[in-house]
Amino acid sequence: MRGSSHGGDDTVTKASGMATFELYRRSTIGTCLTETLDELVSSGAVSPELAIQVLVQFDKSMTEALEMQVKSKVSVKGHLHTYRFCDNVWTFILTDATFKSEEIQETLGRVKIVACDSKLLQPQHP
């Protein structure tokens, strides 16, 4: 049941004319959802097809929620350790990264940032 999103590459799903990245499946909530769905499929409580539909809806819902509800801005400074651009997804590994917002400043020893072009998430027109 664990798709290619757990294999290290972030993939794109196209459903209902809208592309969604599977970026959030590796977040804490995405991992918990996937593990729970794995258990439900293993026990026969839900079908693998339904579990996949739930994950696709999770991808869409996370994308929409972050786009519509998050208004905060954060600046990031750090040392760029590694970067990669693959399948329209940027991955950055920063060391000694400082995140600063209006309310708080936090420094982390190592952080991974995954970003995609928001234009790819717009509805696809024929």
N, C-alpha and C. Protein backbone atom coordinates (compact mmCIF):
# COMPACT_ATOMS: atom_id res chain seq x y z
N MET A 1 0.80 -1.17 0.00
CA MET A 1 0.00 0.00 0.00
C MET A 1 0.86 1.25 0.00
N ARG A 2 2.01 1.16 0.59
CA ARG A 2 2.88 2.33 0.59
C ARG A 2 3.36 2.58 -0.82
N GLY A 3 2.97 3.75 -1.33
CA GLY A 3 3.29 4.08 -2.72
C GLY A 3 4.68 4.64 -2.86
N SER A 4 4.92 5.15 -4.03
CA SER A 4 6.25 5.66 -4.33
C SER A 4 6.58 6.90 -3.51
N SER A 5 5.58 7.49 -2.85
CA SER A 5 5.87 8.66 -2.03
C SER A 5 6.76 8.31 -0.85
N HIS A 6 6.83 7.02 -0.47
CA HIS A 6 7.69 6.63 0.65
C HIS A 6 9.04 6.14 0.17
N GLY A 7 9.22 6.07 -1.14
CA GLY A 7 10.46 5.55 -1.67
C GLY A 7 11.55 6.60 -1.81
N GLY A 8 11.28 7.83 -1.41
CA GLY A 8 12.29 8.86 -1.48
C GLY A 8 11.97 9.94 -2.48
N ASP A 9 11.21 9.64 -3.51
CA ASP A 9 10.82 10.64 -4.48
C ASP A 9 9.40 11.07 -4.19
N ASP A 10 9.12 12.35 -4.38
CA ASP A 10 7.78 12.87 -4.21
C ASP A 10 7.11 12.81 -5.57
N THR A 11 5.97 12.15 -5.66
CA THR A 11 5.33 11.93 -6.93
C THR A 11 4.11 12.83 -7.06
N VAL A 12 3.57 12.86 -8.27
CA VAL A 12 2.41 13.67 -8.57
C VAL A 12 1.26 12.74 -8.89
N THR A 13 0.09 13.02 -8.32
CA THR A 13 -1.12 12.28 -8.62
C THR A 13 -2.05 13.21 -9.37
N LYS A 14 -2.67 12.72 -10.44
CA LYS A 14 -3.65 13.52 -11.16
C LYS A 14 -5.01 12.88 -10.96
N ALA A 15 -5.89 13.62 -10.30
CA ALA A 15 -7.23 13.13 -10.05
C ALA A 15 -8.21 14.29 -10.18
N SER A 16 -9.33 14.05 -10.79
CA SER A 16 -10.37 15.06 -10.97
C SER A 16 -9.82 16.31 -11.63
N GLY A 17 -8.90 16.15 -12.58
CA GLY A 17 -8.39 17.29 -13.33
C GLY A 17 -7.42 18.17 -12.56
N MET A 18 -7.02 17.77 -11.37
CA MET A 18 -6.10 18.58 -10.57
C MET A 18 -4.91 17.74 -10.15
N ALA A 19 -3.72 18.26 -10.37
CA ALA A 19 -2.52 17.55 -9.94
C ALA A 19 -2.27 17.87 -8.48
N THR A 20 -1.92 16.86 -7.70
CA THR A 20 -1.55 17.07 -6.31
C THR A 20 -0.25 16.33 -6.04
N PHE A 21 0.62 16.96 -5.29
CA PHE A 21 1.86 16.31 -4.91
C PHE A 21 1.62 15.50 -3.65
N GLU A 22 2.33 14.42 -3.52
CA GLU A 22 2.21 13.56 -2.36
C GLU A 22 3.21 13.96 -1.27
N LEU A 23 3.50 15.25 -1.21
CA LEU A 23 4.50 15.76 -0.28
C LEU A 23 4.15 15.55 1.18
N TYR A 24 2.88 15.65 1.51
CA TYR A 24 2.47 15.68 2.91
C TYR A 24 2.29 14.28 3.50
N ARG A 25 2.42 13.25 2.69
CA ARG A 25 2.28 11.89 3.20
C ARG A 25 3.41 11.51 4.14
N ARG A 26 4.54 12.20 4.03
CA ARG A 26 5.66 11.91 4.93
C ARG A 26 5.69 12.82 6.15
N SER A 27 4.66 13.66 6.30
CA SER A 27 4.52 14.46 7.52
C SER A 27 4.04 13.52 8.62
N THR A 28 4.04 13.99 9.85
CA THR A 28 3.59 13.16 10.97
C THR A 28 2.17 12.68 10.76
N ILE A 29 1.27 13.58 10.38
CA ILE A 29 -0.13 13.19 10.19
C ILE A 29 -0.28 12.27 8.98
N GLY A 30 0.49 12.52 7.91
CA GLY A 30 0.43 11.67 6.73
C GLY A 30 0.93 10.26 7.01
N THR A 31 2.00 10.16 7.78
CA THR A 31 2.54 8.85 8.16
C THR A 31 1.55 8.08 9.02
N CYS A 32 0.93 8.77 9.99
CA CYS A 32 -0.07 8.12 10.84
C CYS A 32 -1.26 7.65 10.02
N LEU A 33 -1.72 8.48 9.09
CA LEU A 33 -2.83 8.10 8.23
C LEU A 33 -2.47 6.87 7.41
N THR A 34 -1.30 6.86 6.81
CA THR A 34 -0.87 5.74 5.98
C THR A 34 -0.76 4.46 6.80
N GLU A 35 -0.18 4.56 7.99
CA GLU A 35 -0.05 3.37 8.86
C GLU A 35 -1.42 2.84 9.27
N THR A 36 -2.33 3.74 9.59
CA THR A 36 -3.69 3.32 9.97
C THR A 36 -4.39 2.65 8.79
N LEU A 37 -4.26 3.24 7.60
CA LEU A 37 -4.87 2.64 6.41
C LEU A 37 -4.25 1.27 6.12
N ASP A 38 -2.94 1.14 6.30
CA ASP A 38 -2.28 -0.16 6.11
C ASP A 38 -2.90 -1.21 7.04
N GLU A 39 -3.11 -0.83 8.31
CA GLU A 39 -3.71 -1.76 9.27
C GLU A 39 -5.14 -2.13 8.87
N LEU A 40 -5.91 -1.13 8.42
CA LEU A 40 -7.30 -1.38 8.02
C LEU A 40 -7.37 -2.28 6.79
N VAL A 41 -6.46 -2.08 5.85
CA VAL A 41 -6.43 -2.95 4.66
C VAL A 41 -6.01 -4.36 5.07
N SER A 42 -5.00 -4.48 5.93
CA SER A 42 -4.51 -5.80 6.36
C SER A 42 -5.60 -6.59 7.11
N SER A 43 -6.42 -5.88 7.87
CA SER A 43 -7.47 -6.56 8.63
C SER A 43 -8.72 -6.80 7.80
N GLY A 44 -8.75 -6.25 6.59
CA GLY A 44 -9.90 -6.43 5.71
C GLY A 44 -11.03 -5.45 5.97
N ALA A 45 -10.80 -4.47 6.83
CA ALA A 45 -11.84 -3.49 7.17
C ALA A 45 -12.14 -2.54 6.01
N VAL A 46 -11.11 -2.24 5.21
CA VAL A 46 -11.30 -1.40 4.02
C VAL A 46 -10.54 -2.02 2.86
N SER A 47 -10.98 -1.71 1.67
CA SER A 47 -10.31 -2.24 0.47
C SER A 47 -9.08 -1.38 0.15
N PRO A 48 -8.11 -1.95 -0.56
CA PRO A 48 -6.95 -1.16 -0.98
C PRO A 48 -7.37 0.03 -1.83
N GLU A 49 -8.40 -0.14 -2.65
CA GLU A 49 -8.88 0.95 -3.51
C GLU A 49 -9.39 2.13 -2.68
N LEU A 50 -10.15 1.82 -1.62
CA LEU A 50 -10.65 2.88 -0.75
C LEU A 50 -9.50 3.58 -0.03
N ALA A 51 -8.52 2.82 0.40
CA ALA A 51 -7.36 3.40 1.09
C ALA A 51 -6.63 4.38 0.16
N ILE A 52 -6.50 4.02 -1.10
CA ILE A 52 -5.84 4.91 -2.07
C ILE A 52 -6.67 6.17 -2.28
N GLN A 53 -7.99 6.02 -2.35
CA GLN A 53 -8.87 7.19 -2.49
C GLN A 53 -8.72 8.13 -1.30
N VAL A 54 -8.60 7.57 -0.11
CA VAL A 54 -8.41 8.38 1.10
C VAL A 54 -7.10 9.14 1.01
N LEU A 55 -6.03 8.50 0.57
CA LEU A 55 -4.73 9.18 0.45
C LEU A 55 -4.76 10.28 -0.60
N VAL A 56 -5.43 10.04 -1.71
CA VAL A 56 -5.55 11.08 -2.75
C VAL A 56 -6.32 12.28 -2.21
N GLN A 57 -7.40 12.01 -1.46
CA GLN A 57 -8.17 13.10 -0.86
C GLN A 57 -7.33 13.84 0.18
N PHE A 58 -6.53 13.11 0.94
CA PHE A 58 -5.62 13.74 1.91
C PHE A 58 -4.66 14.70 1.20
N ASP A 59 -4.09 14.26 0.07
CA ASP A 59 -3.18 15.12 -0.70
C ASP A 59 -3.89 16.42 -1.10
N LYS A 60 -5.10 16.30 -1.64
CA LYS A 60 -5.87 17.47 -2.08
C LYS A 60 -6.20 18.38 -0.90
N SER A 61 -6.68 17.78 0.19
CA SER A 61 -7.10 18.56 1.35
C SER A 61 -5.93 19.32 1.98
N MET A 62 -4.78 18.69 2.09
CA MET A 62 -3.61 19.37 2.65
C MET A 62 -3.19 20.54 1.78
N THR A 63 -3.17 20.32 0.47
CA THR A 63 -2.79 21.38 -0.47
C THR A 63 -3.75 22.55 -0.34
N GLU A 64 -5.05 22.28 -0.35
CA GLU A 64 -6.06 23.34 -0.25
C GLU A 64 -5.99 24.06 1.09
N ALA A 65 -5.84 23.31 2.18
CA ALA A 65 -5.81 23.93 3.51
C ALA A 65 -4.62 24.86 3.66
N LEU A 66 -3.46 24.42 3.20
CA LEU A 66 -2.28 25.28 3.32
C LEU A 66 -2.39 26.51 2.43
N GLU A 67 -2.97 26.34 1.26
CA GLU A 67 -3.13 27.46 0.34
C GLU A 67 -4.12 28.49 0.87
N MET A 68 -5.21 28.02 1.46
CA MET A 68 -6.30 28.92 1.85
C MET A 68 -6.18 29.44 3.28
N GLN A 69 -5.57 28.69 4.18
CA GLN A 69 -5.63 29.04 5.59
C GLN A 69 -4.33 29.56 6.18
N VAL A 70 -3.20 29.28 5.58
CA VAL A 70 -1.93 29.71 6.15
C VAL A 70 -1.53 31.04 5.52
N LYS A 71 -1.41 32.06 6.35
CA LYS A 71 -1.08 33.39 5.86
C LYS A 71 0.27 33.88 6.39
N SER A 72 0.92 33.12 7.25
CA SER A 72 2.17 33.53 7.86
C SER A 72 3.31 33.48 6.85
N LYS A 73 4.28 34.35 7.07
CA LYS A 73 5.49 34.34 6.26
C LYS A 73 6.67 34.09 7.18
N VAL A 74 7.62 33.31 6.66
CA VAL A 74 8.81 32.93 7.42
C VAL A 74 10.02 33.15 6.54
N SER A 75 11.09 33.69 7.12
CA SER A 75 12.35 33.77 6.40
C SER A 75 13.27 32.66 6.92
N VAL A 76 14.11 32.16 6.02
CA VAL A 76 15.01 31.06 6.36
C VAL A 76 16.43 31.45 5.97
N LYS A 77 17.36 31.26 6.88
CA LYS A 77 18.78 31.46 6.59
C LYS A 77 19.52 30.25 7.11
N GLY A 78 20.46 29.76 6.33
CA GLY A 78 21.25 28.62 6.76
C GLY A 78 22.30 28.29 5.73
N HIS A 79 23.00 27.21 5.97
CA HIS A 79 24.03 26.75 5.04
C HIS A 79 23.43 25.66 4.17
N LEU A 80 23.52 25.86 2.85
CA LEU A 80 22.97 24.88 1.92
C LEU A 80 23.92 23.69 1.84
N HIS A 81 23.45 22.54 2.29
CA HIS A 81 24.25 21.32 2.28
C HIS A 81 24.07 20.58 0.95
N THR A 82 22.82 20.41 0.53
CA THR A 82 22.50 19.66 -0.69
C THR A 82 21.25 20.25 -1.31
N TYR A 83 21.17 20.23 -2.64
CA TYR A 83 19.92 20.58 -3.30
C TYR A 83 19.71 19.66 -4.49
N ARG A 84 18.43 19.52 -4.87
CA ARG A 84 18.09 18.64 -5.99
C ARG A 84 16.80 19.14 -6.62
N PHE A 85 16.70 19.02 -7.95
CA PHE A 85 15.48 19.33 -8.68
C PHE A 85 15.15 18.12 -9.53
N CYS A 86 14.04 17.46 -9.21
CA CYS A 86 13.65 16.25 -9.92
C CYS A 86 12.13 16.20 -10.02
N ASP A 87 11.60 15.94 -11.21
CA ASP A 87 10.15 15.83 -11.42
C ASP A 87 9.41 17.05 -10.88
N ASN A 88 9.94 18.24 -11.18
CA ASN A 88 9.32 19.51 -10.77
C ASN A 88 9.26 19.71 -9.27
N VAL A 89 10.10 19.03 -8.52
CA VAL A 89 10.14 19.17 -7.07
C VAL A 89 11.57 19.54 -6.65
N TRP A 90 11.69 20.62 -5.89
CA TRP A 90 12.97 21.03 -5.32
C TRP A 90 13.10 20.42 -3.93
N THR A 91 14.29 19.91 -3.62
CA THR A 91 14.61 19.43 -2.28
C THR A 91 15.88 20.13 -1.83
N PHE A 92 15.83 20.76 -0.67
CA PHE A 92 16.98 21.45 -0.10
C PHE A 92 17.27 20.86 1.28
N ILE A 93 18.55 20.58 1.54
CA ILE A 93 18.98 20.19 2.88
C ILE A 93 19.82 21.36 3.41
N LEU A 94 19.38 21.93 4.52
CA LEU A 94 20.08 23.06 5.13
C LEU A 94 20.63 22.63 6.48
N THR A 95 21.79 23.18 6.82
CA THR A 95 22.34 22.98 8.16
C THR A 95 22.37 24.33 8.86
N ASP A 96 22.28 24.30 10.17
CA ASP A 96 22.25 25.52 10.99
C ASP A 96 21.25 26.52 10.41
N ALA A 97 20.04 26.07 10.17
CA ALA A 97 19.00 26.89 9.55
C ALA A 97 18.23 27.66 10.63
N THR A 98 18.08 28.95 10.40
CA THR A 98 17.31 29.80 11.30
C THR A 98 16.02 30.21 10.60
N PHE A 99 14.90 29.88 11.23
CA PHE A 99 13.58 30.26 10.74
C PHE A 99 13.11 31.44 11.58
N LYS A 100 12.67 32.51 10.91
CA LYS A 100 12.26 33.70 11.64
C LYS A 100 10.90 34.17 11.11
N SER A 101 9.96 34.36 12.05
CA SER A 101 8.67 34.95 11.72
C SER A 101 8.51 36.19 12.59
N GLU A 102 7.33 36.81 12.52
CA GLU A 102 7.09 37.99 13.35
C GLU A 102 7.09 37.64 14.84
N GLU A 103 6.67 36.40 15.16
CA GLU A 103 6.51 36.02 16.55
C GLU A 103 7.70 35.28 17.16
N ILE A 104 8.45 34.54 16.34
CA ILE A 104 9.42 33.61 16.91
C ILE A 104 10.62 33.44 15.98
N GLN A 105 11.73 33.01 16.57
CA GLN A 105 12.92 32.64 15.80
C GLN A 105 13.41 31.30 16.34
N GLU A 106 13.72 30.38 15.44
CA GLU A 106 14.14 29.03 15.84
C GLU A 106 15.28 28.60 14.94
N THR A 107 16.32 28.00 15.53
CA THR A 107 17.45 27.48 14.76
C THR A 107 17.48 25.96 14.88
N LEU A 108 17.64 25.30 13.74
CA LEU A 108 17.71 23.85 13.70
C LEU A 108 19.04 23.42 13.10
N GLY A 109 19.58 22.32 13.59
CA GLY A 109 20.86 21.82 13.11
C GLY A 109 20.81 21.33 11.67
N ARG A 110 19.70 20.68 11.31
CA ARG A 110 19.55 20.14 9.95
C ARG A 110 18.07 20.13 9.61
N VAL A 111 17.73 20.58 8.41
CA VAL A 111 16.33 20.62 7.98
C VAL A 111 16.24 20.30 6.49
N LYS A 112 15.16 19.61 6.14
CA LYS A 112 14.89 19.28 4.74
C LYS A 112 13.68 20.08 4.31
N ILE A 113 13.81 20.81 3.21
CA ILE A 113 12.70 21.58 2.66
C ILE A 113 12.37 21.01 1.29
N VAL A 114 11.10 20.67 1.08
CA VAL A 114 10.64 20.14 -0.20
C VAL A 114 9.62 21.14 -0.74
N ALA A 115 9.81 21.58 -1.98
CA ALA A 115 8.93 22.59 -2.56
C ALA A 115 8.61 22.25 -4.01
N CYS A 116 7.42 22.66 -4.43
CA CYS A 116 7.02 22.44 -5.81
C CYS A 116 6.42 23.71 -6.37
N ASP A 117 6.31 23.79 -7.68
CA ASP A 117 5.74 24.92 -8.37
C ASP A 117 4.22 24.89 -8.20
N SER A 118 3.65 25.92 -7.58
CA SER A 118 2.21 25.92 -7.31
C SER A 118 1.38 25.92 -8.60
N LYS A 119 1.97 26.36 -9.70
CA LYS A 119 1.22 26.34 -10.98
C LYS A 119 0.88 24.91 -11.37
N LEU A 120 1.68 23.96 -10.94
CA LEU A 120 1.40 22.56 -11.27
C LEU A 120 0.21 22.02 -10.51
N LEU A 121 -0.22 22.73 -9.46
CA LEU A 121 -1.34 22.28 -8.65
C LEU A 121 -2.67 22.89 -9.10
N GLN A 122 -2.63 23.75 -10.11
CA GLN A 122 -3.85 24.36 -10.61
C GLN A 122 -4.66 23.35 -11.42
N PRO A 123 -5.98 23.54 -11.47
CA PRO A 123 -6.81 22.62 -12.27
C PRO A 123 -6.34 22.57 -13.72
N GLN A 124 -6.32 21.37 -14.27
CA GLN A 124 -5.88 21.14 -15.64
C GLN A 124 -7.07 21.34 -16.58
N HIS A 125 -6.92 22.18 -17.59
CA HIS A 125 -7.97 22.41 -18.57
C HIS A 125 -7.60 21.70 -19.87
N PRO A 126 -8.59 21.05 -20.51
CA PRO A 126 -8.28 20.30 -21.75
C PRO A 126 -7.83 21.18 -22.88
